[in-house]
C-alpha atoms as a PDB file:
ATOM      1  CA  MET A   1      -1.758 -30.763 -20.519  1.00  0.00           C
ATOM      2  CA  ARG A   2      -0.688 -28.323 -23.246  1.00  0.00           C
ATOM      3  CA  ALA A   3      -0.190 -24.748 -22.090  1.00  0.00           C
ATOM      4  CA  ALA A   4       1.482 -21.493 -23.100  1.00  0.00           C
ATOM      5  CA  THR A   5       3.626 -20.186 -20.253  1.00  0.00           C
ATOM      6  CA  ARG A   6       5.579 -16.997 -19.618  1.00  0.00           C
ATOM      7  CA  SER A   7       8.982 -16.298 -18.162  1.00  0.00           C
ATOM      8  CA  GLY A   8       9.418 -12.535 -17.993  1.00  0.00           C
ATOM      9  CA  THR A   9       7.997 -11.450 -21.353  1.00  0.00           C
ATOM     10  CA  ASN A  10       9.045 -14.665 -23.111  1.00  0.00           C
ATOM     11  CA  ILE A  11       6.191 -16.976 -24.072  1.00  0.00           C
ATOM     12  CA  SER A  12       6.772 -20.672 -24.728  1.00  0.00           C
ATOM     13  CA  PHE A  13       4.729 -23.787 -25.502  1.00  0.00           C
ATOM     14  CA  ASN A  14       4.715 -26.422 -22.746  1.00  0.00           C
ATOM     15  CA  PRO A  15       3.327 -29.814 -23.853  1.00  0.00           C
ATOM     16  CA  ALA A  16       3.230 -31.267 -20.314  1.00  0.00           C
ATOM     17  CA  TYR A  17       2.104 -28.562 -17.887  1.00  0.00           C
ATOM     18  CA  SER A  18       0.272 -29.651 -14.742  1.00  0.00           C
ATOM     19  CA  LYS A  19      -3.521 -29.623 -14.926  1.00  0.00           C
ATOM     20  CA  PRO A  20      -4.961 -27.140 -12.350  1.00  0.00           C
ATOM     21  CA  LYS A  21      -7.155 -28.277  -9.488  1.00  0.00           C
ATOM     22  CA  CYS A  22     -10.574 -26.816  -8.818  1.00  0.00           C
ATOM     23  CA  GLY A  23     -10.709 -24.954  -5.494  1.00  0.00           C
ATOM     24  CA  ASP A  24     -13.849 -24.541  -3.399  1.00  0.00           C
ATOM     25  CA  ASN A  25     -14.580 -21.094  -4.871  1.00  0.00           C
ATOM     26  CA  LYS A  26     -13.460 -21.864  -8.433  1.00  0.00           C
ATOM     27  CA  VAL A  27     -14.750 -23.534 -11.576  1.00  0.00           C
ATOM     28  CA  LEU A  28     -12.609 -25.816 -13.716  1.00  0.00           C
ATOM     29  CA  LEU A  29     -13.042 -25.217 -17.436  1.00  0.00           C
ATOM     30  CA  LYS A  30     -12.192 -27.476 -20.309  1.00  0.00           C
ATOM     31  CA  VAL A  31     -10.948 -24.769 -22.654  1.00  0.00           C
ATOM     32  CA  LYS A  32     -12.384 -24.969 -26.161  1.00  0.00           C
ATOM     33  CA  SER A  33     -10.935 -21.715 -27.524  1.00  0.00           C
ATOM     34  CA  ALA A  34      -8.737 -18.884 -26.248  1.00  0.00           C
ATOM     35  CA  ALA A  35      -7.878 -15.531 -27.828  1.00  0.00           C
ATOM     36  CA  ILE A  36      -4.808 -13.349 -27.361  1.00  0.00           C
ATOM     37  CA  ASN A  37      -4.293  -9.650 -26.699  1.00  0.00           C
ATOM     38  CA  PRO A  38      -1.293  -7.288 -26.604  1.00  0.00           C
ATOM     39  CA  ILE A  39      -1.337  -7.356 -22.798  1.00  0.00           C
ATOM     40  CA  ASP A  40      -0.459 -11.067 -23.011  1.00  0.00           C
ATOM     41  CA  TYR A  41       3.017 -10.416 -24.421  1.00  0.00           C
ATOM     42  CA  LYS A  42       3.598  -7.006 -22.843  1.00  0.00           C
ATOM     43  CA  SER A  43       2.939  -8.107 -19.246  1.00  0.00           C
ATOM     44  CA  LYS A  44       5.415  -9.952 -17.038  1.00  0.00           C
ATOM     45  CA  TRP A  45       5.014 -12.356 -14.157  1.00  0.00           C
ATOM     46  CA  PRO A  46       3.968 -11.714 -11.382  1.00  0.00           C
ATOM     47  CA  PHE A  47       1.611  -8.986 -12.713  1.00  0.00           C
ATOM     48  CA  MET A  48       0.099 -11.766 -14.812  1.00  0.00           C
ATOM     49  CA  GLY A  49       0.207 -15.475 -13.993  1.00  0.00           C
ATOM     50  CA  THR A  50       2.462 -18.178 -15.379  1.00  0.00           C
ATOM     51  CA  VAL A  51      -0.090 -19.421 -17.923  1.00  0.00           C
ATOM     52  CA  VAL A  52      -0.688 -16.894 -20.707  1.00  0.00           C
ATOM     53  CA  GLY A  53      -4.074 -15.621 -21.863  1.00  0.00           C
ATOM     54  CA  ILE A  54      -7.191 -13.842 -20.614  1.00  0.00           C
ATOM     55  CA  ASP A  55      -9.944 -14.538 -23.167  1.00  0.00           C
ATOM     56  CA  VAL A  56     -11.587 -17.950 -22.848  1.00  0.00           C
ATOM     57  CA  ALA A  57     -14.565 -19.994 -23.965  1.00  0.00           C
ATOM     58  CA  GLY A  58     -15.155 -23.517 -22.767  1.00  0.00           C
ATOM     59  CA  ILE A  59     -17.233 -26.060 -20.889  1.00  0.00           C
ATOM     60  CA  VAL A  60     -17.513 -26.302 -17.105  1.00  0.00           C
ATOM     61  CA  GLU A  61     -15.759 -29.529 -16.077  1.00  0.00           C
ATOM     62  CA  GLU A  62     -15.986 -29.183 -12.284  1.00  0.00           C
ATOM     63  CA  VAL A  63     -17.575 -26.743  -9.812  1.00  0.00           C
ATOM     64  CA  GLY A  64     -16.190 -25.852  -6.400  1.00  0.00           C
ATOM     65  CA  SER A  65     -18.302 -26.523  -3.308  1.00  0.00           C
ATOM     66  CA  GLU A  66     -18.907 -22.785  -2.720  1.00  0.00           C
ATOM     67  CA  VAL A  67     -19.997 -22.020  -6.311  1.00  0.00           C
ATOM     68  CA  ASP A  68     -23.697 -21.997  -7.172  1.00  0.00           C
ATOM     69  CA  THR A  69     -23.735 -19.863 -10.335  1.00  0.00           C
ATOM     70  CA  PHE A  70     -22.653 -22.553 -12.814  1.00  0.00           C
ATOM     71  CA  LYS A  71     -23.022 -26.304 -13.203  1.00  0.00           C
ATOM     72  CA  VAL A  72     -21.024 -29.011 -14.915  1.00  0.00           C
ATOM     73  CA  GLY A  73     -21.652 -28.919 -18.664  1.00  0.00           C
ATOM     74  CA  ASP A  74     -22.407 -25.189 -18.916  1.00  0.00           C
ATOM     75  CA  GLU A  75     -20.945 -23.513 -21.998  1.00  0.00           C
ATOM     76  CA  VAL A  76     -19.323 -20.296 -20.781  1.00  0.00           C
ATOM     77  CA  TYR A  77     -17.016 -17.468 -21.833  1.00  0.00           C
ATOM     78  CA  GLY A  78     -15.172 -14.705 -20.039  1.00  0.00           C
ATOM     79  CA  SER A  79     -11.908 -13.374 -18.638  1.00  0.00           C
ATOM     80  CA  VAL A  80      -9.607 -15.500 -16.508  1.00  0.00           C
ATOM     81  CA  TRP A  81      -6.771 -12.966 -16.047  1.00  0.00           C
ATOM     82  CA  ARG A  82      -3.987 -14.442 -13.863  1.00  0.00           C
ATOM     83  CA  ASP A  83      -5.365 -17.990 -14.155  1.00  0.00           C
ATOM     84  CA  GLY A  84      -4.509 -18.128 -17.875  1.00  0.00           C
ATOM     85  CA  SER A  85      -6.592 -19.303 -20.830  1.00  0.00           C
ATOM     86  CA  LEU A  86      -4.002 -20.693 -23.259  1.00  0.00           C
ATOM     87  CA  ALA A  87      -4.175 -24.200 -21.846  1.00  0.00           C
ATOM     88  CA  GLU A  88      -6.388 -27.248 -22.132  1.00  0.00           C
ATOM     89  CA  PHE A  89      -7.860 -26.541 -18.674  1.00  0.00           C
ATOM     90  CA  THR A  90      -8.090 -23.498 -16.419  1.00  0.00           C
ATOM     91  CA  ALA A  91      -9.409 -23.111 -12.859  1.00  0.00           C
ATOM     92  CA  THR A  92     -10.811 -19.634 -12.377  1.00  0.00           C
ATOM     93  CA  ASP A  93     -13.197 -17.381 -10.465  1.00  0.00           C
ATOM     94  CA  PRO A  94     -16.824 -17.687 -11.629  1.00  0.00           C
ATOM     95  CA  ASP A  95     -17.310 -13.909 -11.281  1.00  0.00           C
ATOM     96  CA  GLY A  96     -15.424 -13.380 -14.547  1.00  0.00           C
ATOM     97  CA  LEU A  97     -17.605 -15.780 -16.538  1.00  0.00           C
ATOM     98  CA  ALA A  98     -21.073 -15.877 -18.092  1.00  0.00           C
ATOM     99  CA  LEU A  99     -23.021 -18.267 -20.270  1.00  0.00           C
ATOM    100  CA  LYS A 100     -21.717 -18.208 -23.835  1.00  0.00           C
ATOM    101  CA  PRO A 101     -23.816 -16.396 -26.467  1.00  0.00           C
ATOM    102  CA  SER A 102     -25.938 -19.172 -27.951  1.00  0.00           C
ATOM    103  CA  SER A 103     -25.524 -17.901 -31.509  1.00  0.00           C
ATOM    104  CA  LEU A 104     -21.708 -18.004 -31.433  1.00  0.00           C
ATOM    105  CA  THR A 105     -19.184 -20.804 -31.711  1.00  0.00           C
ATOM    106  CA  PHE A 106     -16.599 -21.245 -28.967  1.00  0.00           C
ATOM    107  CA  THR A 107     -14.021 -19.588 -31.224  1.00  0.00           C
ATOM    108  CA  GLU A 108     -16.265 -16.570 -31.754  1.00  0.00           C
ATOM    109  CA  ALA A 109     -17.118 -16.346 -28.059  1.00  0.00           C
ATOM    110  CA  ALA A 110     -13.446 -16.455 -27.063  1.00  0.00           C
ATOM    111  CA  ALA A 111     -12.859 -13.363 -29.210  1.00  0.00           C
ATOM    112  CA  LEU A 112     -15.217 -11.287 -27.051  1.00  0.00           C
ATOM    113  CA  PRO A 113     -14.083 -10.794 -23.442  1.00  0.00           C
ATOM    114  CA  VAL A 114     -11.203  -8.286 -23.593  1.00  0.00           C
ATOM    115  CA  ALA A 115     -12.047  -6.470 -26.842  1.00  0.00           C
ATOM    116  CA  TYR A 116     -15.830  -6.415 -26.592  1.00  0.00           C
ATOM    117  CA  LEU A 117     -16.143  -6.027 -22.831  1.00  0.00           C
ATOM    118  CA  THR A 118     -13.598  -3.186 -22.920  1.00  0.00           C
ATOM    119  CA  SER A 119     -15.551  -1.471 -25.698  1.00  0.00           C
ATOM    120  CA  PHE A 120     -18.871  -2.112 -23.954  1.00  0.00           C
ATOM    121  CA  GLN A 121     -17.657  -0.466 -20.743  1.00  0.00           C
ATOM    122  CA  ALA A 122     -15.778   2.296 -22.592  1.00  0.00           C
ATOM    123  CA  LEU A 123     -18.847   3.430 -24.511  1.00  0.00           C
ATOM    124  CA  LYS A 124     -21.565   2.767 -21.943  1.00  0.00           C
ATOM    125  CA  ASP A 125     -19.956   3.433 -18.554  1.00  0.00           C
ATOM    126  CA  TYR A 126     -17.318   6.036 -19.421  1.00  0.00           C
ATOM    127  CA  GLY A 127     -18.457   7.535 -22.728  1.00  0.00           C
ATOM    128  CA  LYS A 128     -22.099   7.703 -21.595  1.00  0.00           C
ATOM    129  CA  ILE A 129     -23.111   7.089 -25.202  1.00  0.00           C
ATOM    130  CA  GLN A 130     -26.627   8.158 -26.141  1.00  0.00           C
ATOM    131  CA  GLU A 131     -28.995   7.636 -29.046  1.00  0.00           C
ATOM    132  CA  GLY A 132     -28.092   9.978 -31.898  1.00  0.00           C
ATOM    133  CA  ASP A 133     -24.496  10.605 -30.794  1.00  0.00           C
ATOM    134  CA  ARG A 134     -21.560  11.342 -33.077  1.00  0.00           C
ATOM    135  CA  VAL A 135     -18.755   8.914 -32.201  1.00  0.00           C
ATOM    136  CA  LEU A 136     -15.096   8.730 -33.248  1.00  0.00           C
ATOM    137  CA  VAL A 137     -13.339   5.344 -33.092  1.00  0.00           C
ATOM    138  CA  ILE A 138      -9.545   5.635 -33.451  1.00  0.00           C
ATOM    139  CA  GLY A 139      -7.784   2.398 -34.381  1.00  0.00           C
ATOM    140  CA  ALA A 140     -11.029   1.158 -35.898  1.00  0.00           C
ATOM    141  CA  SER A 141      -9.744  -2.048 -37.501  1.00  0.00           C
ATOM    142  CA  GLY A 142      -8.153  -3.657 -34.422  1.00  0.00           C
ATOM    143  CA  GLY A 143      -9.851  -5.914 -31.893  1.00  0.00           C
ATOM    144  CA  CYS A 144     -11.232  -3.146 -29.673  1.00  0.00           C
ATOM    145  CA  GLY A 145     -11.843  -0.849 -32.626  1.00  0.00           C
ATOM    146  CA  THR A 146     -14.021  -3.297 -34.556  1.00  0.00           C
ATOM    147  CA  ALA A 147     -15.961  -4.005 -31.358  1.00  0.00           C
ATOM    148  CA  GLY A 148     -16.340  -0.257 -30.756  1.00  0.00           C
ATOM    149  CA  LEU A 149     -17.845   0.277 -34.203  1.00  0.00           C
ATOM    150  CA  GLN A 150     -20.376  -2.529 -33.819  1.00  0.00           C
ATOM    151  CA  LEU A 151     -21.402  -1.544 -30.300  1.00  0.00           C
ATOM    152  CA  SER A 152     -21.649   2.177 -31.141  1.00  0.00           C
ATOM    153  CA  LYS A 153     -24.217   1.234 -33.772  1.00  0.00           C
ATOM    154  CA  VAL A 154     -26.109  -0.998 -31.324  1.00  0.00           C
ATOM    155  CA  PHE A 155     -26.173   1.829 -28.759  1.00  0.00           C
ATOM    156  CA  GLY A 156     -27.783   4.119 -31.324  1.00  0.00           C
ATOM    157  CA  ALA A 157     -24.981   6.379 -32.524  1.00  0.00           C
ATOM    158  CA  LYS A 158     -26.156   8.341 -35.561  1.00  0.00           C
ATOM    159  CA  GLU A 159     -22.716   9.145 -36.981  1.00  0.00           C
ATOM    160  CA  ILE A 160     -19.673   6.903 -36.485  1.00  0.00           C
ATOM    161  CA  VAL A 161     -16.283   7.999 -37.799  1.00  0.00           C
ATOM    162  CA  GLY A 162     -13.565   5.347 -37.976  1.00  0.00           C
ATOM    163  CA  VAL A 163      -9.823   5.953 -38.273  1.00  0.00           C
ATOM    164  CA  CYS A 164      -7.809   3.263 -40.064  1.00  0.00           C
ATOM    165  CA  SER A 165      -5.490   2.697 -43.026  1.00  0.00           C
ATOM    166  CA  GLU A 166      -6.698   2.459 -46.620  1.00  0.00           C
ATOM    167  CA  ARG A 167      -6.650  -1.348 -46.755  1.00  0.00           C
ATOM    168  CA  ASN A 168      -9.256  -1.611 -43.977  1.00  0.00           C
ATOM    169  CA  VAL A 169     -11.659   1.110 -45.121  1.00  0.00           C
ATOM    170  CA  GLU A 170     -14.303  -1.245 -46.523  1.00  0.00           C
ATOM    171  CA  LEU A 171     -14.233  -3.469 -43.440  1.00  0.00           C
ATOM    172  CA  VAL A 172     -14.658  -0.465 -41.141  1.00  0.00           C
ATOM    173  CA  LYS A 173     -17.603   0.772 -43.210  1.00  0.00           C
ATOM    174  CA  SER A 174     -19.215  -2.670 -43.093  1.00  0.00           C
ATOM    175  CA  LEU A 175     -19.097  -2.617 -39.293  1.00  0.00           C
ATOM    176  CA  GLY A 176     -21.051   0.625 -38.988  1.00  0.00           C
ATOM    177  CA  ALA A 177     -18.766   3.551 -39.788  1.00  0.00           C
ATOM    178  CA  THR A 178     -20.597   6.304 -41.644  1.00  0.00           C
ATOM    179  CA  GLU A 179     -17.290   8.059 -42.404  1.00  0.00           C
ATOM    180  CA  VAL A 180     -13.716   6.779 -42.547  1.00  0.00           C
ATOM    181  CA  VAL A 181     -10.475   8.732 -42.134  1.00  0.00           C
ATOM    182  CA  ASP A 182      -7.403   7.139 -43.744  1.00  0.00           C
ATOM    183  CA  TYR A 183      -4.641   8.228 -41.384  1.00  0.00           C
ATOM    184  CA  THR A 184      -1.995   7.504 -44.016  1.00  0.00           C
ATOM    185  CA  LYS A 185      -3.391  10.272 -46.220  1.00  0.00           C
ATOM    186  CA  THR A 186      -4.762  12.938 -43.897  1.00  0.00           C
ATOM    187  CA  THR A 187      -4.872  13.971 -40.252  1.00  0.00           C
ATOM    188  CA  LEU A 188      -8.059  14.211 -38.235  1.00  0.00           C
ATOM    189  CA  THR A 189      -7.658  17.972 -38.007  1.00  0.00           C
ATOM    190  CA  GLU A 190      -7.349  18.316 -41.775  1.00  0.00           C
ATOM    191  CA  TYR A 191     -10.309  16.015 -42.358  1.00  0.00           C
ATOM    192  CA  LEU A 192     -12.636  17.874 -39.975  1.00  0.00           C
ATOM    193  CA  THR A 193     -11.583  21.459 -40.653  1.00  0.00           C
ATOM    194  CA  VAL A 194     -13.934  23.671 -42.658  1.00  0.00           C
ATOM    195  CA  GLY A 195     -12.261  26.921 -43.614  1.00  0.00           C
ATOM    196  CA  ASP A 196      -9.994  27.642 -40.679  1.00  0.00           C
ATOM    197  CA  VAL A 197     -12.027  26.001 -37.912  1.00  0.00           C
ATOM    198  CA  ILE A 198     -13.572  22.701 -36.905  1.00  0.00           C
ATOM    199  CA  PRO A 199     -17.360  23.324 -36.731  1.00  0.00           C
ATOM    200  CA  GLU A 200     -19.162  22.189 -33.594  1.00  0.00           C
ATOM    201  CA  ASP A 201     -21.288  19.742 -35.580  1.00  0.00           C
ATOM    202  CA  LYS A 202     -18.112  18.018 -36.771  1.00  0.00           C
ATOM    203  CA  LYS A 203     -16.968  17.423 -33.202  1.00  0.00           C
ATOM    204  CA  PHE A 204     -17.814  14.333 -31.154  1.00  0.00           C
ATOM    205  CA  ASP A 205     -19.957  13.285 -28.219  1.00  0.00           C
ATOM    206  CA  VAL A 206     -17.671  10.298 -27.618  1.00  0.00           C
ATOM    207  CA  ILE A 207     -14.098   9.639 -28.743  1.00  0.00           C
ATOM    208  CA  TYR A 208     -12.998   6.027 -28.251  1.00  0.00           C
ATOM    209  CA  ASP A 209      -9.213   5.881 -28.656  1.00  0.00           C
ATOM    210  CA  CYS A 210      -7.884   2.368 -29.300  1.00  0.00           C
ATOM    211  CA  ALA A 211      -4.604   3.497 -30.865  1.00  0.00           C
ATOM    212  CA  THR A 212      -2.637   5.858 -28.620  1.00  0.00           C
ATOM    213  CA  ASN A 213       0.513   4.257 -27.169  1.00  0.00           C
ATOM    214  CA  SER A 214      -0.136   0.990 -28.980  1.00  0.00           C
ATOM    215  CA  GLY A 215       3.480   0.559 -29.998  1.00  0.00           C
ATOM    216  CA  ALA A 216       4.518   2.948 -32.781  1.00  0.00           C
ATOM    217  CA  GLY A 217       4.471   6.302 -31.032  1.00  0.00           C
ATOM    218  CA  GLU A 218       0.794   7.037 -31.686  1.00  0.00           C
ATOM    219  CA  ASP A 219      -0.648   9.989 -29.753  1.00  0.00           C
ATOM    220  CA  TYR A 220      -4.225  11.005 -30.409  1.00  0.00           C
ATOM    221  CA  TYR A 221      -4.793  12.335 -26.899  1.00  0.00           C
ATOM    222  CA  THR A 222      -3.649  15.901 -27.561  1.00  0.00           C
ATOM    223  CA  ILE A 223      -5.655  16.366 -30.742  1.00  0.00           C
ATOM    224  CA  SER A 224      -8.741  14.689 -29.266  1.00  0.00           C
ATOM    225  CA  LYS A 225      -9.154  17.352 -26.596  1.00  0.00           C
ATOM    226  CA  GLY A 226     -10.051  19.855 -29.325  1.00  0.00           C
ATOM    227  CA  LEU A 227     -12.484  17.503 -31.050  1.00  0.00           C
ATOM    228  CA  LEU A 228     -14.966  17.039 -28.202  1.00  0.00           C
ATOM    229  CA  LYS A 229     -18.313  18.783 -28.192  1.00  0.00           C
ATOM    230  CA  SER A 230     -18.911  21.201 -25.345  1.00  0.00           C
ATOM    231  CA  SER A 231     -22.212  22.646 -24.177  1.00  0.00           C
ATOM    232  CA  ALA A 232     -23.931  23.628 -20.956  1.00  0.00           C
ATOM    233  CA  GLU A 233     -25.952  20.404 -21.044  1.00  0.00           C
ATOM    234  CA  ARG A 234     -23.245  17.898 -21.902  1.00  0.00           C
ATOM    235  CA  HIS A 235     -19.524  17.676 -22.555  1.00  0.00           C
ATOM    236  CA  GLY A 236     -17.986  15.197 -24.981  1.00  0.00           C
ATOM    237  CA  GLN A 237     -16.129  12.257 -23.428  1.00  0.00           C
ATOM    238  CA  TYR A 238     -12.658  10.983 -24.359  1.00  0.00           C
ATOM    239  CA  VAL A 239     -12.122   7.305 -23.487  1.00  0.00           C
ATOM    240  CA  ALA A 240      -8.790   5.550 -24.076  1.00  0.00           C
ATOM    241  CA  ILE A 241      -7.542   2.023 -23.489  1.00  0.00           C
ATOM    242  CA  ASN A 242      -3.906   3.113 -23.274  1.00  0.00           C
ATOM    243  CA  GLY A 243      -1.940   6.295 -22.733  1.00  0.00           C
ATOM    244  CA  SER A 244       1.259   7.929 -21.583  1.00  0.00           C
ATOM    245  CA  PRO A 245       2.701   7.240 -18.115  1.00  0.00           C
ATOM    246  CA  GLY A 246       1.484  10.673 -17.037  1.00  0.00           C
ATOM    247  CA  PHE A 247      -2.060   9.929 -18.188  1.00  0.00           C
ATOM    248  CA  TRP A 248      -2.024   6.585 -16.347  1.00  0.00           C
ATOM    249  CA  LEU A 249      -0.837   8.351 -13.204  1.00  0.00           C
ATOM    250  CA  ARG A 250      -3.666  10.880 -13.421  1.00  0.00           C
ATOM    251  CA  ALA A 251      -6.207   8.162 -14.188  1.00  0.00           C
ATOM    252  CA  LEU A 252      -5.179   5.894 -11.301  1.00  0.00           C
ATOM    253  CA  SER A 253      -4.562   8.615  -8.712  1.00  0.00           C
ATOM    254  CA  GLY A 254      -7.323  11.000  -9.755  1.00  0.00           C
ATOM    255  CA  ILE A 255      -4.918  13.910  -9.298  1.00  0.00           C
ATOM    256  CA  GLY A 256      -5.155  16.363 -12.192  1.00  0.00           C
ATOM    257  CA  ARG A 257      -7.594  14.194 -14.143  1.00  0.00           C
ATOM    258  CA  ARG A 258     -10.277  15.999 -16.148  1.00  0.00           C
ATOM    259  CA  ALA A 259     -13.788  14.721 -15.571  1.00  0.00           C
ATOM    260  CA  ASN A 260     -14.350  13.972 -19.267  1.00  0.00           C
ATOM    261  CA  GLU A 261     -11.064  12.113 -19.851  1.00  0.00           C
ATOM    262  CA  HIS A 262     -10.967   8.417 -19.062  1.00  0.00           C
ATOM    263  CA  LEU A 263      -8.271   5.752 -19.142  1.00  0.00           C
ATOM    264  CA  PHE A 264      -9.263   2.419 -17.626  1.00  0.00           C
ATOM    265  CA  PHE A 265      -8.905  -1.333 -17.265  1.00  0.00           C
ATOM    266  CA  ALA A 266     -11.974  -3.347 -18.201  1.00  0.00           C
ATOM    267  CA  LYS A 267     -13.569  -5.137 -15.265  1.00  0.00           C
ATOM    268  CA  GLY A 268     -14.664  -8.673 -16.066  1.00  0.00           C
ATOM    269  CA  ASN A 269     -17.977  -9.483 -14.399  1.00  0.00           C
ATOM    270  CA  THR A 270     -20.908 -11.790 -15.001  1.00  0.00           C
ATOM    271  CA  LYS A 271     -23.477  -8.974 -15.273  1.00  0.00           C
ATOM    272  CA  ASP A 272     -21.767  -7.138 -18.133  1.00  0.00           C
ATOM    273  CA  LEU A 273     -20.769 -10.370 -19.871  1.00  0.00           C
ATOM    274  CA  THR A 274     -24.397 -11.560 -19.731  1.00  0.00           C
ATOM    275  CA  GLU A 275     -25.626  -8.270 -21.204  1.00  0.00           C
ATOM    276  CA  LEU A 276     -22.947  -8.453 -23.885  1.00  0.00           C
ATOM    277  CA  ALA A 277     -23.996 -12.028 -24.725  1.00  0.00           C
ATOM    278  CA  GLY A 278     -27.550 -10.776 -25.224  1.00  0.00           C
ATOM    279  CA  ILE A 279     -26.311  -8.062 -27.579  1.00  0.00           C
ATOM    280  CA  MET A 280     -24.316 -10.587 -29.615  1.00  0.00           C
ATOM    281  CA  ASP A 281     -27.374 -12.861 -29.814  1.00  0.00           C
ATOM    282  CA  GLY A 282     -29.526  -9.965 -31.067  1.00  0.00           C
ATOM    283  CA  GLU A 283     -31.895  -9.701 -28.121  1.00  0.00           C
ATOM    284  CA  GLY A 284     -34.510  -6.947 -28.249  1.00  0.00           C
ATOM    285  CA  GLU A 285     -35.018  -7.335 -32.006  1.00  0.00           C
ATOM    286  CA  LYS A 286     -31.499  -6.100 -32.714  1.00  0.00           C
ATOM    287  CA  GLU A 287     -29.348  -7.615 -35.435  1.00  0.00           C
ATOM    288  CA  PRO A 288     -27.059 -10.367 -34.047  1.00  0.00           C
ATOM    289  CA  LEU A 289     -23.346  -9.561 -34.091  1.00  0.00           C
ATOM    290  CA  LYS A 290     -20.265 -11.618 -34.808  1.00  0.00           C
ATOM    291  CA  PRO A 291     -16.724 -10.653 -33.830  1.00  0.00           C
ATOM    292  CA  ILE A 292     -14.098 -10.088 -36.503  1.00  0.00           C
ATOM    293  CA  ILE A 293     -11.503 -12.878 -36.402  1.00  0.00           C
ATOM    294  CA  GLN A 294      -8.155 -12.509 -38.136  1.00  0.00           C
ATOM    295  CA  ASP A 295      -7.015 -16.105 -37.616  1.00  0.00           C
ATOM    296  CA  GLU A 296      -8.301 -19.303 -36.034  1.00  0.00           C
ATOM    297  CA  LEU A 297      -5.262 -21.447 -35.235  1.00  0.00           C
ATOM    298  CA  PRO A 298      -4.574 -24.880 -33.738  1.00  0.00           C
ATOM    299  CA  PHE A 299      -2.880 -24.876 -30.347  1.00  0.00           C
ATOM    300  CA  ASN A 300       0.665 -26.053 -30.908  1.00  0.00           C
ATOM    301  CA  GLU A 301       4.174 -24.608 -30.715  1.00  0.00           C
ATOM    302  CA  THR A 302       4.342 -23.448 -34.337  1.00  0.00           C
ATOM    303  CA  SER A 303       0.914 -21.796 -34.323  1.00  0.00           C
ATOM    304  CA  LEU A 304       1.546 -20.149 -30.958  1.00  0.00           C
ATOM    305  CA  LYS A 305       4.566 -18.354 -32.417  1.00  0.00           C
ATOM    306  CA  GLU A 306       2.646 -17.508 -35.596  1.00  0.00           C
ATOM    307  CA  GLY A 307      -0.241 -16.020 -33.636  1.00  0.00           C
ATOM    308  CA  PHE A 308       1.909 -13.817 -31.445  1.00  0.00           C
ATOM    309  CA  ASP A 309       4.082 -12.731 -34.392  1.00  0.00           C
ATOM    310  CA  THR A 310       0.938 -11.554 -36.166  1.00  0.00           C
ATOM    311  CA  LEU A 311      -0.311  -9.784 -33.047  1.00  0.00           C
ATOM    312  CA  LYS A 312       3.024  -8.041 -32.496  1.00  0.00           C
ATOM    313  CA  SER A 313       3.086  -6.872 -36.125  1.00  0.00           C
ATOM    314  CA  ARG A 314       0.181  -4.546 -35.259  1.00  0.00           C
ATOM    315  CA  ARG A 315      -1.439  -5.477 -38.563  1.00  0.00           C
ATOM    316  CA  ALA A 316      -4.020  -7.929 -37.228  1.00  0.00           C
ATOM    317  CA  VAL A 317      -7.569  -7.083 -38.260  1.00  0.00           C
ATOM    318  CA  GLY A 318      -9.808  -8.327 -35.474  1.00  0.00           C
ATOM    319  CA  LYS A 319      -8.858 -11.152 -33.128  1.00  0.00           C
ATOM    320  CA  ILE A 320      -6.470 -14.118 -33.164  1.00  0.00           C
ATOM    321  CA  VAL A 321      -8.030 -17.221 -31.589  1.00  0.00           C
ATOM    322  CA  PHE A 322      -6.626 -20.656 -30.763  1.00  0.00           C
ATOM    323  CA  ASN A 323      -8.991 -23.611 -31.165  1.00  0.00           C
ATOM    324  CA  MET A 324      -7.968 -26.392 -28.779  1.00  0.00           C
ATOM    325  CA  ASP A 325      -9.735 -29.047 -30.881  1.00  0.00           C
ATOM    326  CA  MET A 326      -8.120 -28.274 -34.238  1.00  0.00           C
END
């Protein structure tokens, strides 16, 4: 089968990789679409598996004898982590899968797991977002950022401020931002300052940082600490998807970590993926959502390089997805 494989941080196209076998506690998926993320090219074996890719959408081809949550023919999506999604087939744990949102194509569903599940957990579990909140999304035009804008609106945020460059302002507004800060023209401090201070009503209940340490020396952590609301009833929450080595050490060890500062890995699980699918389908009389997709590409050697070159450029708006049937 066709597969994208890694050796160190090098990624290559293999036209004749061995098809995986379905173990007793696994499901075998015929992959229809797979999306890519920065972790795919930044991570080495053995931290990640030989086959590249986490985000997947496909059809259940075979079910292990110990699996009773899915059946052959089910259309599913989710995170396969070390099992790899950039291949025609993947054998993976069912706990990281859920039924695909019925309103989305396989390509759209494959764009969800890392970006949307990360944003879902960042805002709900760590940010403790509430109806009427004021939310700041930093890196608002990337995969996690666009998801953060859409989900903040679904969760009832009253004011959503997005940080991006000028060329993505209109997109960010269309996804729910009520204000946009063009970081190429002004800093957050300058934008929020009135007189000589930042008023409390300009500060945030939740800051979702999708930009710090993303590859060009970005650091919004320090400034964010002064932009969080603080009251006896509730303290603003800072949630990041990346950070300095020191921040990772505090986050993983718990030593020296402030209670309102969070740095985390998303945890793929059927419960959250099922709830996310309902959100995307517009359950509860909400407006259905669609992920923002930068490129839908065929799965071949040339397109694999093109997709990762675009991702590494840090100028992708939304997700890059490979369609196995193109």
